[in-house]
Amino acid sequence: MSSLWIPARQRISRAHEISDRLRSELAAYLATNPTRLEVRRRVPGGSELVLRVDRQPPARLAYLLGEYVHQLRSNLDNMVVTLAERGAGRPLSEREERRLHFPIASDDGGFTELVRTGPLALIDAPAIESIRAMQPFANLRYLFGDEEHGGPTWDQPLTVLSQLSNHDKHRRLTVLTQVPDRIAIGMLGSGGPGLNYVGSHPFSDGDVIATIEVDGAFELLGSESTVMVEVPRGPMARLDGLVSKLDLVGSRAFEHLTGEPFVEVDLN
């Protein structure tokens, strides 16, 4: 294990500590059953399911998400500085360090332009090509093991990480919202209910989230809920799924840039 990359291992390990706590806090919040559904009969026929939010997601979840994103994004920049120091064979000046950062681009032309402006100065060509291969527009086998990459770049982990990082640092706290995840309905007579979801989230307290078209009697057996994250320039994302996706960014990027396996380190 090279001592050169110990700070990177430490920062990624810290990010994983935060993600573990974030999952634990999320599970504790959802265990309080913070939402419920009310059945409102319509005239004529059918019913509406109305969302009631008894407890909003605690602010702690949003702040933990911001801290988690900060550690992951900062580590990418830190690794670029380390690569530049290795390429230069000397400590960098403050002016040189200020120019450096890990670029995240949506297309190859944008990446080439970013490289031209100097964020990867002093880094050798093989390392620059490794960073290019990690870009959202490029093949993402290093993240998912996929043989092919396709689809829009807004859904790629590095794009989401960049959007959340910029939003949290420069604009406002990332928005978390509570939405129903699973709804169970049972018929008391013959036939089956027709459950139709209304629109798309985010939903607020008192919103109609679904309609039920049914002739016979029914009962609402229960529902589960989840917390969604407002991702700038992208669709809402489940908080638990988003954290699982971003957890791969730190460790896989480390392995891709260093050629070493990532191993968690003890921060005590």
C-alpha atoms as a PDB file:
ATOM      1  CA  MET A   1       0.000   0.000   0.000  1.00  0.00           C
ATOM      2  CA  SER A   2       1.625   3.256  -1.164  1.00  0.00           C
ATOM      3  CA  SER A   3       1.870   6.020   1.444  1.00  0.00           C
ATOM      4  CA  LEU A   4       1.241   8.488  -1.393  1.00  0.00           C
ATOM      5  CA  TRP A   5      -2.465   7.597  -1.391  1.00  0.00           C
ATOM      6  CA  ILE A   6      -3.110   7.323   2.360  1.00  0.00           C
ATOM      7  CA  PRO A   7      -4.955  10.700   2.500  1.00  0.00           C
ATOM      8  CA  ALA A   8      -7.253   9.545  -0.306  1.00  0.00           C
ATOM      9  CA  ARG A   9      -7.996   6.273   1.492  1.00  0.00           C
ATOM     10  CA  GLN A  10      -8.744   8.228   4.655  1.00  0.00           C
ATOM     11  CA  ARG A  11     -11.128  10.656   2.975  1.00  0.00           C
ATOM     12  CA  ILE A  12     -13.023   7.861   1.197  1.00  0.00           C
ATOM     13  CA  SER A  13     -13.215   5.922   4.459  1.00  0.00           C
ATOM     14  CA  ARG A  14     -14.644   9.034   6.130  1.00  0.00           C
ATOM     15  CA  ALA A  15     -17.227   9.343   3.349  1.00  0.00           C
ATOM     16  CA  HIS A  16     -18.251   5.746   3.969  1.00  0.00           C
ATOM     17  CA  GLU A  17     -18.569   6.442   7.702  1.00  0.00           C
ATOM     18  CA  ILE A  18     -20.959   9.277   6.889  1.00  0.00           C
ATOM     19  CA  SER A  19     -22.964   7.135   4.460  1.00  0.00           C
ATOM     20  CA  ASP A  20     -23.333   4.432   7.115  1.00  0.00           C
ATOM     21  CA  ARG A  21     -24.671   7.007   9.556  1.00  0.00           C
ATOM     22  CA  LEU A  22     -26.939   8.453   6.877  1.00  0.00           C
ATOM     23  CA  ARG A  23     -28.475   5.031   6.248  1.00  0.00           C
ATOM     24  CA  SER A  24     -28.923   4.479   9.983  1.00  0.00           C
ATOM     25  CA  GLU A  25     -30.601   7.876  10.488  1.00  0.00           C
ATOM     26  CA  LEU A  26     -32.842   7.265   7.458  1.00  0.00           C
ATOM     27  CA  ALA A  27     -33.929   3.870   8.772  1.00  0.00           C
ATOM     28  CA  ALA A  28     -34.680   5.369  12.202  1.00  0.00           C
ATOM     29  CA  TYR A  29     -36.792   8.109  10.639  1.00  0.00           C
ATOM     30  CA  LEU A  30     -38.776   5.731   8.420  1.00  0.00           C
ATOM     31  CA  ALA A  31     -39.365   3.441  11.412  1.00  0.00           C
ATOM     32  CA  THR A  32     -41.474   6.205  12.985  1.00  0.00           C
ATOM     33  CA  ASN A  33     -44.052   5.792  10.177  1.00  0.00           C
ATOM     34  CA  PRO A  34     -43.889   9.497   9.328  1.00  0.00           C
ATOM     35  CA  THR A  35     -46.606   9.393   6.669  1.00  0.00           C
ATOM     36  CA  ARG A  36     -50.061   7.921   6.376  1.00  0.00           C
ATOM     37  CA  LEU A  37     -52.789   7.800   3.773  1.00  0.00           C
ATOM     38  CA  GLU A  38     -56.373   8.930   4.164  1.00  0.00           C
ATOM     39  CA  VAL A  39     -59.187   7.577   2.002  1.00  0.00           C
ATOM     40  CA  ARG A  40     -61.482  10.307   0.706  1.00  0.00           C
ATOM     41  CA  ARG A  41     -64.639   9.148  -1.019  1.00  0.00           C
ATOM     42  CA  ARG A  42     -65.538  10.856  -4.249  1.00  0.00           C
ATOM     43  CA  VAL A  43     -68.956  11.587  -5.629  1.00  0.00           C
ATOM     44  CA  PRO A  44     -69.890   9.876  -7.861  1.00  0.00           C
ATOM     45  CA  GLY A  45     -67.948   6.670  -7.143  1.00  0.00           C
ATOM     46  CA  GLY A  46     -64.320   5.949  -6.515  1.00  0.00           C
ATOM     47  CA  SER A  47     -61.983   7.270  -3.867  1.00  0.00           C
ATOM     48  CA  GLU A  48     -58.847   9.333  -3.484  1.00  0.00           C
ATOM     49  CA  LEU A  49     -55.776   8.558  -1.414  1.00  0.00           C
ATOM     50  CA  VAL A  50     -54.584  11.691   0.384  1.00  0.00           C
ATOM     51  CA  LEU A  51     -51.049  11.938   1.741  1.00  0.00           C
ATOM     52  CA  ARG A  52     -50.668  13.036   5.355  1.00  0.00           C
ATOM     53  CA  VAL A  53     -47.129  13.844   6.505  1.00  0.00           C
ATOM     54  CA  ASP A  54     -46.934  13.707  10.287  1.00  0.00           C
ATOM     55  CA  ARG A  55     -43.182  14.267  10.442  1.00  0.00           C
ATOM     56  CA  GLN A  56     -40.947  15.749   7.783  1.00  0.00           C
ATOM     57  CA  PRO A  57     -37.463  14.303   7.150  1.00  0.00           C
ATOM     58  CA  PRO A  58     -35.122  15.725   9.805  1.00  0.00           C
ATOM     59  CA  ALA A  59     -32.704  18.426   8.658  1.00  0.00           C
ATOM     60  CA  ARG A  60     -29.886  16.167   9.852  1.00  0.00           C
ATOM     61  CA  LEU A  61     -30.391  13.916   6.817  1.00  0.00           C
ATOM     62  CA  ALA A  62     -29.818  16.778   4.389  1.00  0.00           C
ATOM     63  CA  TYR A  63     -26.708  17.951   6.234  1.00  0.00           C
ATOM     64  CA  LEU A  64     -25.279  14.433   6.370  1.00  0.00           C
ATOM     65  CA  LEU A  65     -25.877  14.092   2.637  1.00  0.00           C
ATOM     66  CA  GLY A  66     -24.051  17.388   2.059  1.00  0.00           C
ATOM     67  CA  GLU A  67     -21.075  16.274   4.177  1.00  0.00           C
ATOM     68  CA  TYR A  68     -20.985  12.930   2.392  1.00  0.00           C
ATOM     69  CA  VAL A  69     -21.005  14.546  -1.058  1.00  0.00           C
ATOM     70  CA  HIS A  70     -18.315  17.012   0.052  1.00  0.00           C
ATOM     71  CA  GLN A  71     -15.923  14.227   1.068  1.00  0.00           C
ATOM     72  CA  LEU A  72     -16.386  12.353  -2.219  1.00  0.00           C
ATOM     73  CA  ARG A  73     -16.043  15.423  -4.430  1.00  0.00           C
ATOM     74  CA  SER A  74     -13.089  16.836  -2.498  1.00  0.00           C
ATOM     75  CA  ASN A  75     -11.273  13.529  -2.720  1.00  0.00           C
ATOM     76  CA  LEU A  76     -11.392  13.617  -6.519  1.00  0.00           C
ATOM     77  CA  ASP A  77      -9.767  17.065  -6.460  1.00  0.00           C
ATOM     78  CA  ASN A  78      -7.207  15.942  -3.860  1.00  0.00           C
ATOM     79  CA  MET A  79      -6.206  13.009  -6.042  1.00  0.00           C
ATOM     80  CA  VAL A  80      -5.649  15.326  -9.009  1.00  0.00           C
ATOM     81  CA  VAL A  81      -3.260  17.424  -6.885  1.00  0.00           C
ATOM     82  CA  THR A  82      -1.376  14.274  -5.849  1.00  0.00           C
ATOM     83  CA  LEU A  83      -1.105  13.168  -9.481  1.00  0.00           C
ATOM     84  CA  ALA A  84       0.229  16.624 -10.425  1.00  0.00           C
ATOM     85  CA  GLU A  85       2.840  16.547  -7.635  1.00  0.00           C
ATOM     86  CA  ARG A  86       3.919  13.112  -8.802  1.00  0.00           C
ATOM     87  CA  GLY A  87       4.158  14.333 -12.390  1.00  0.00           C
ATOM     88  CA  ALA A  88       6.112  17.455 -11.445  1.00  0.00           C
ATOM     89  CA  GLY A  89       8.411  15.580  -9.080  1.00  0.00           C
ATOM     90  CA  ARG A  90       8.240  18.433  -6.578  1.00  0.00           C
ATOM     91  CA  PRO A  91       5.839  20.249  -4.239  1.00  0.00           C
ATOM     92  CA  LEU A  92       3.473  22.553  -6.096  1.00  0.00           C
ATOM     93  CA  SER A  93       3.193  26.292  -5.593  1.00  0.00           C
ATOM     94  CA  GLU A  94      -0.035  27.721  -4.227  1.00  0.00           C
ATOM     95  CA  ARG A  95      -0.786  29.224  -7.634  1.00  0.00           C
ATOM     96  CA  GLU A  96      -0.360  25.838  -9.326  1.00  0.00           C
ATOM     97  CA  GLU A  97      -2.587  24.107  -6.773  1.00  0.00           C
ATOM     98  CA  ARG A  98      -5.381  26.656  -7.217  1.00  0.00           C
ATOM     99  CA  ARG A  99      -5.658  25.772 -10.922  1.00  0.00           C
ATOM    100  CA  LEU A 100      -6.083  22.064 -10.305  1.00  0.00           C
ATOM    101  CA  HIS A 101      -9.343  20.176  -9.936  1.00  0.00           C
ATOM    102  CA  PHE A 102     -11.025  17.013 -11.156  1.00  0.00           C
ATOM    103  CA  PRO A 103     -13.101  18.021 -14.202  1.00  0.00           C
ATOM    104  CA  ILE A 104     -16.523  16.496 -14.780  1.00  0.00           C
ATOM    105  CA  ALA A 105     -17.867  17.016 -18.299  1.00  0.00           C
ATOM    106  CA  SER A 106     -20.984  15.888 -20.130  1.00  0.00           C
ATOM    107  CA  ASP A 107     -19.231  15.355 -23.484  1.00  0.00           C
ATOM    108  CA  ASP A 108     -15.764  14.769 -24.902  1.00  0.00           C
ATOM    109  CA  GLY A 109     -15.476  18.260 -26.349  1.00  0.00           C
ATOM    110  CA  GLY A 110     -16.279  19.802 -22.991  1.00  0.00           C
ATOM    111  CA  PHE A 111     -13.646  17.645 -21.320  1.00  0.00           C
ATOM    112  CA  THR A 112     -11.016  18.614 -23.888  1.00  0.00           C
ATOM    113  CA  GLU A 113     -11.793  22.298 -23.333  1.00  0.00           C
ATOM    114  CA  LEU A 114     -11.529  21.898 -19.560  1.00  0.00           C
ATOM    115  CA  VAL A 115      -8.152  20.210 -19.929  1.00  0.00           C
ATOM    116  CA  ARG A 116      -6.998  23.075 -22.167  1.00  0.00           C
ATOM    117  CA  THR A 117      -7.811  25.637 -19.470  1.00  0.00           C
ATOM    118  CA  GLY A 118      -5.460  23.984 -17.009  1.00  0.00           C
ATOM    119  CA  PRO A 119      -7.258  21.957 -14.273  1.00  0.00           C
ATOM    120  CA  LEU A 120      -5.053  18.961 -15.122  1.00  0.00           C
ATOM    121  CA  ALA A 121      -1.777  20.850 -15.608  1.00  0.00           C
ATOM    122  CA  LEU A 122       1.381  18.880 -14.759  1.00  0.00           C
ATOM    123  CA  ILE A 123      -0.477  15.564 -14.978  1.00  0.00           C
ATOM    124  CA  ASP A 124       0.951  13.062 -17.437  1.00  0.00           C
ATOM    125  CA  ALA A 125      -0.996  11.944 -20.504  1.00  0.00           C
ATOM    126  CA  PRO A 126      -1.849   8.420 -19.240  1.00  0.00           C
ATOM    127  CA  ALA A 127      -3.428   9.893 -16.079  1.00  0.00           C
ATOM    128  CA  ILE A 128      -5.416  12.409 -18.149  1.00  0.00           C
ATOM    129  CA  GLU A 129      -6.746   9.574 -20.314  1.00  0.00           C
ATOM    130  CA  SER A 130      -7.712   7.666 -17.157  1.00  0.00           C
ATOM    131  CA  ILE A 131      -9.695  10.700 -15.989  1.00  0.00           C
ATOM    132  CA  ARG A 132     -11.278  10.996 -19.441  1.00  0.00           C
ATOM    133  CA  ALA A 133     -12.372   7.349 -19.243  1.00  0.00           C
ATOM    134  CA  MET A 134     -14.124   8.097 -15.952  1.00  0.00           C
ATOM    135  CA  GLN A 135     -16.240  10.920 -17.388  1.00  0.00           C
ATOM    136  CA  PRO A 136     -20.042  10.546 -17.540  1.00  0.00           C
ATOM    137  CA  PHE A 137     -19.992  10.466 -21.351  1.00  0.00           C
ATOM    138  CA  ALA A 138     -17.398   7.687 -21.478  1.00  0.00           C
ATOM    139  CA  ASN A 139     -17.544   3.975 -20.821  1.00  0.00           C
ATOM    140  CA  LEU A 140     -18.376   3.458 -17.137  1.00  0.00           C
ATOM    141  CA  ARG A 141     -17.115  -0.082 -16.689  1.00  0.00           C
ATOM    142  CA  TYR A 142     -14.945   1.172 -13.829  1.00  0.00           C
ATOM    143  CA  LEU A 143     -18.136   1.951 -11.903  1.00  0.00           C
ATOM    144  CA  PHE A 144     -20.633  -0.707 -12.868  1.00  0.00           C
ATOM    145  CA  GLY A 145     -18.782  -3.400 -14.787  1.00  0.00           C
ATOM    146  CA  ASP A 146     -20.992  -2.728 -17.807  1.00  0.00           C
ATOM    147  CA  GLU A 147     -19.619  -3.711 -21.193  1.00  0.00           C
ATOM    148  CA  GLU A 148     -21.458  -0.859 -22.839  1.00  0.00           C
ATOM    149  CA  HIS A 149     -22.469   2.578 -21.694  1.00  0.00           C
ATOM    150  CA  GLY A 150     -25.518   4.356 -23.002  1.00  0.00           C
ATOM    151  CA  GLY A 151     -28.256   6.686 -21.941  1.00  0.00           C
ATOM    152  CA  PRO A 152     -28.302  10.270 -20.711  1.00  0.00           C
ATOM    153  CA  THR A 153     -25.391  11.550 -18.646  1.00  0.00           C
ATOM    154  CA  TRP A 154     -27.600  13.213 -16.008  1.00  0.00           C
ATOM    155  CA  ASP A 155     -28.125   9.790 -14.446  1.00  0.00           C
ATOM    156  CA  GLN A 156     -24.420   8.981 -14.179  1.00  0.00           C
ATOM    157  CA  PRO A 157     -22.888   8.995 -10.676  1.00  0.00           C
ATOM    158  CA  LEU A 158     -20.238  11.641 -11.411  1.00  0.00           C
ATOM    159  CA  THR A 159     -22.855  13.974 -12.902  1.00  0.00           C
ATOM    160  CA  VAL A 160     -25.124  13.529  -9.890  1.00  0.00           C
ATOM    161  CA  LEU A 161     -22.175  14.031  -7.532  1.00  0.00           C
ATOM    162  CA  SER A 162     -21.173  17.244  -9.323  1.00  0.00           C
ATOM    163  CA  GLN A 163     -24.718  18.633  -9.318  1.00  0.00           C
ATOM    164  CA  LEU A 164     -25.293  17.880  -5.641  1.00  0.00           C
ATOM    165  CA  SER A 165     -21.883  19.268  -4.663  1.00  0.00           C
ATOM    166  CA  ASN A 166     -22.356  22.556  -6.516  1.00  0.00           C
ATOM    167  CA  HIS A 167     -25.921  22.920  -5.282  1.00  0.00           C
ATOM    168  CA  ASP A 168     -25.018  22.252  -1.646  1.00  0.00           C
ATOM    169  CA  LYS A 169     -21.952  24.542  -1.639  1.00  0.00           C
ATOM    170  CA  HIS A 170     -23.157  27.490  -3.689  1.00  0.00           C
ATOM    171  CA  ARG A 171     -26.943  27.606  -3.672  1.00  0.00           C
ATOM    172  CA  ARG A 172     -28.976  26.034  -0.872  1.00  0.00           C
ATOM    173  CA  LEU A 173     -29.477  22.934   1.183  1.00  0.00           C
ATOM    174  CA  THR A 174     -30.399  19.865  -0.836  1.00  0.00           C
ATOM    175  CA  VAL A 175     -34.153  19.278  -0.631  1.00  0.00           C
ATOM    176  CA  LEU A 176     -35.431  16.020   0.814  1.00  0.00           C
ATOM    177  CA  THR A 177     -39.087  15.108   0.501  1.00  0.00           C
ATOM    178  CA  GLN A 178     -41.239  12.302   1.836  1.00  0.00           C
ATOM    179  CA  VAL A 179     -43.264  10.224  -0.621  1.00  0.00           C
ATOM    180  CA  PRO A 180     -45.284   6.987  -0.501  1.00  0.00           C
ATOM    181  CA  ASP A 181     -43.306   4.014  -1.734  1.00  0.00           C
ATOM    182  CA  ARG A 182     -45.673   1.028  -1.531  1.00  0.00           C
ATOM    183  CA  ILE A 183     -49.451   0.953  -1.137  1.00  0.00           C
ATOM    184  CA  ALA A 184     -51.449  -2.196  -0.354  1.00  0.00           C
ATOM    185  CA  ILE A 185     -55.207  -2.366  -0.957  1.00  0.00           C
ATOM    186  CA  GLY A 186     -57.493  -5.304  -0.217  1.00  0.00           C
ATOM    187  CA  MET A 187     -60.932  -6.009  -1.640  1.00  0.00           C
ATOM    188  CA  LEU A 188     -63.700  -6.930   0.761  1.00  0.00           C
ATOM    189  CA  GLY A 189     -65.878  -8.269  -2.015  1.00  0.00           C
ATOM    190  CA  SER A 190     -65.404  -9.582  -5.543  1.00  0.00           C
ATOM    191  CA  GLY A 191     -63.341  -7.857  -8.170  1.00  0.00           C
ATOM    192  CA  GLY A 192     -60.156  -5.863  -7.841  1.00  0.00           C
ATOM    193  CA  PRO A 193     -59.431  -2.188  -7.312  1.00  0.00           C
ATOM    194  CA  GLY A 194     -57.986   0.012 -10.021  1.00  0.00           C
ATOM    195  CA  LEU A 195     -55.199   2.052  -8.418  1.00  0.00           C
ATOM    196  CA  ASN A 196     -54.059   5.050 -10.455  1.00  0.00           C
ATOM    197  CA  TYR A 197     -51.177   7.217  -9.272  1.00  0.00           C
ATOM    198  CA  VAL A 198     -51.572  10.950  -9.782  1.00  0.00           C
ATOM    199  CA  GLY A 199     -48.758  12.923 -11.388  1.00  0.00           C
ATOM    200  CA  SER A 200     -45.274  12.599  -9.964  1.00  0.00           C
ATOM    201  CA  HIS A 201     -43.524  13.555  -6.756  1.00  0.00           C
ATOM    202  CA  PRO A 202     -42.629  15.657  -4.870  1.00  0.00           C
ATOM    203  CA  PHE A 203     -45.889  15.514  -2.940  1.00  0.00           C
ATOM    204  CA  SER A 204     -46.875  17.702  -0.005  1.00  0.00           C
ATOM    205  CA  ASP A 205     -49.127  17.098   2.969  1.00  0.00           C
ATOM    206  CA  GLY A 206     -52.744  16.985   1.787  1.00  0.00           C
ATOM    207  CA  ASP A 207     -51.980  16.119  -1.845  1.00  0.00           C
ATOM    208  CA  VAL A 208     -53.962  13.438  -3.652  1.00  0.00           C
ATOM    209  CA  ILE A 209     -51.394  10.827  -4.637  1.00  0.00           C
ATOM    210  CA  ALA A 210     -53.678   8.203  -6.195  1.00  0.00           C
ATOM    211  CA  THR A 211     -57.261   7.446  -7.127  1.00  0.00           C
ATOM    212  CA  ILE A 212     -59.086   4.143  -6.673  1.00  0.00           C
ATOM    213  CA  GLU A 213     -61.698   3.140  -9.197  1.00  0.00           C
ATOM    214  CA  VAL A 214     -63.681   0.298  -7.667  1.00  0.00           C
ATOM    215  CA  ASP A 215     -67.299  -0.777  -7.492  1.00  0.00           C
ATOM    216  CA  GLY A 216     -67.107  -2.879  -4.333  1.00  0.00           C
ATOM    217  CA  ALA A 217     -65.831  -2.205  -0.838  1.00  0.00           C
ATOM    218  CA  PHE A 218     -62.099  -2.164  -0.127  1.00  0.00           C
ATOM    219  CA  GLU A 219     -59.725  -1.439   2.684  1.00  0.00           C
ATOM    220  CA  LEU A 220     -56.353   0.228   2.795  1.00  0.00           C
ATOM    221  CA  LEU A 221     -54.048  -2.440   4.196  1.00  0.00           C
ATOM    222  CA  GLY A 222     -51.049  -0.172   4.656  1.00  0.00           C
ATOM    223  CA  SER A 223     -48.326   1.766   2.952  1.00  0.00           C
ATOM    224  CA  GLU A 224     -44.606   2.374   3.204  1.00  0.00           C
ATOM    225  CA  SER A 225     -42.742   5.541   2.501  1.00  0.00           C
ATOM    226  CA  THR A 226     -39.320   6.647   1.359  1.00  0.00           C
ATOM    227  CA  VAL A 227     -37.282   9.846   1.211  1.00  0.00           C
ATOM    228  CA  MET A 228     -36.470  11.392  -2.141  1.00  0.00           C
ATOM    229  CA  VAL A 229     -33.640  13.779  -3.040  1.00  0.00           C
ATOM    230  CA  GLU A 230     -34.070  16.725  -5.363  1.00  0.00           C
ATOM    231  CA  VAL A 231     -31.197  16.373  -7.836  1.00  0.00           C
ATOM    232  CA  PRO A 232     -30.586  19.607  -9.792  1.00  0.00           C
ATOM    233  CA  ARG A 233     -31.160  19.168 -13.555  1.00  0.00           C
ATOM    234  CA  GLY A 234     -32.274  15.594 -13.021  1.00  0.00           C
ATOM    235  CA  PRO A 235     -35.193  13.577 -11.702  1.00  0.00           C
ATOM    236  CA  MET A 236     -35.886  12.989  -8.032  1.00  0.00           C
ATOM    237  CA  ALA A 237     -33.867  10.095  -6.631  1.00  0.00           C
ATOM    238  CA  ARG A 238     -34.425   7.751  -3.701  1.00  0.00           C
ATOM    239  CA  LEU A 239     -32.043   8.717  -0.919  1.00  0.00           C
ATOM    240  CA  ASP A 240     -31.049   5.138  -0.108  1.00  0.00           C
ATOM    241  CA  GLY A 241     -30.448   4.261  -3.762  1.00  0.00           C
ATOM    242  CA  LEU A 242     -28.522   7.477  -4.370  1.00  0.00           C
ATOM    243  CA  VAL A 243     -26.125   6.773  -1.491  1.00  0.00           C
ATOM    244  CA  SER A 244     -25.541   3.223  -2.738  1.00  0.00           C
ATOM    245  CA  LYS A 245     -24.736   4.579  -6.204  1.00  0.00           C
ATOM    246  CA  LEU A 246     -22.353   7.270  -4.938  1.00  0.00           C
ATOM    247  CA  ASP A 247     -20.587   4.872  -2.568  1.00  0.00           C
ATOM    248  CA  LEU A 248     -19.007   3.345  -5.670  1.00  0.00           C
ATOM    249  CA  VAL A 249     -17.566   6.637  -6.866  1.00  0.00           C
ATOM    250  CA  GLY A 250     -14.852   6.990  -4.244  1.00  0.00           C
ATOM    251  CA  SER A 251     -13.507   3.440  -4.156  1.00  0.00           C
ATOM    252  CA  ARG A 252     -13.742   2.754  -7.895  1.00  0.00           C
ATOM    253  CA  ALA A 253     -12.202   6.115  -8.823  1.00  0.00           C
ATOM    254  CA  PHE A 254      -9.359   5.415  -6.391  1.00  0.00           C
ATOM    255  CA  GLU A 255      -8.645   2.054  -7.983  1.00  0.00           C
ATOM    256  CA  HIS A 256      -8.915   3.484 -11.490  1.00  0.00           C
ATOM    257  CA  LEU A 257      -6.439   6.326 -10.885  1.00  0.00           C
ATOM    258  CA  THR A 258      -3.941   4.551  -8.643  1.00  0.00           C
ATOM    259  CA  GLY A 259      -3.982   0.952  -9.878  1.00  0.00           C
ATOM    260  CA  GLU A 260      -4.208  -0.142  -6.235  1.00  0.00           C
ATOM    261  CA  PRO A 261      -7.134  -1.934  -4.569  1.00  0.00           C
ATOM    262  CA  PHE A 262      -9.114   0.250  -2.213  1.00  0.00           C
ATOM    263  CA  VAL A 263      -9.003  -0.815   1.432  1.00  0.00           C
ATOM    264  CA  GLU A 264     -10.831   0.992   4.215  1.00  0.00           C
ATOM    265  CA  VAL A 265      -8.544   2.546   6.818  1.00  0.00           C
ATOM    266  CA  ASP A 266      -9.073   3.147  10.531  1.00  0.00           C
ATOM    267  CA  LEU A 267      -9.423   6.885  11.219  1.00  0.00           C
ATOM    268  CA  ASN A 268      -8.890   6.574  14.980  1.00  0.00           C
END
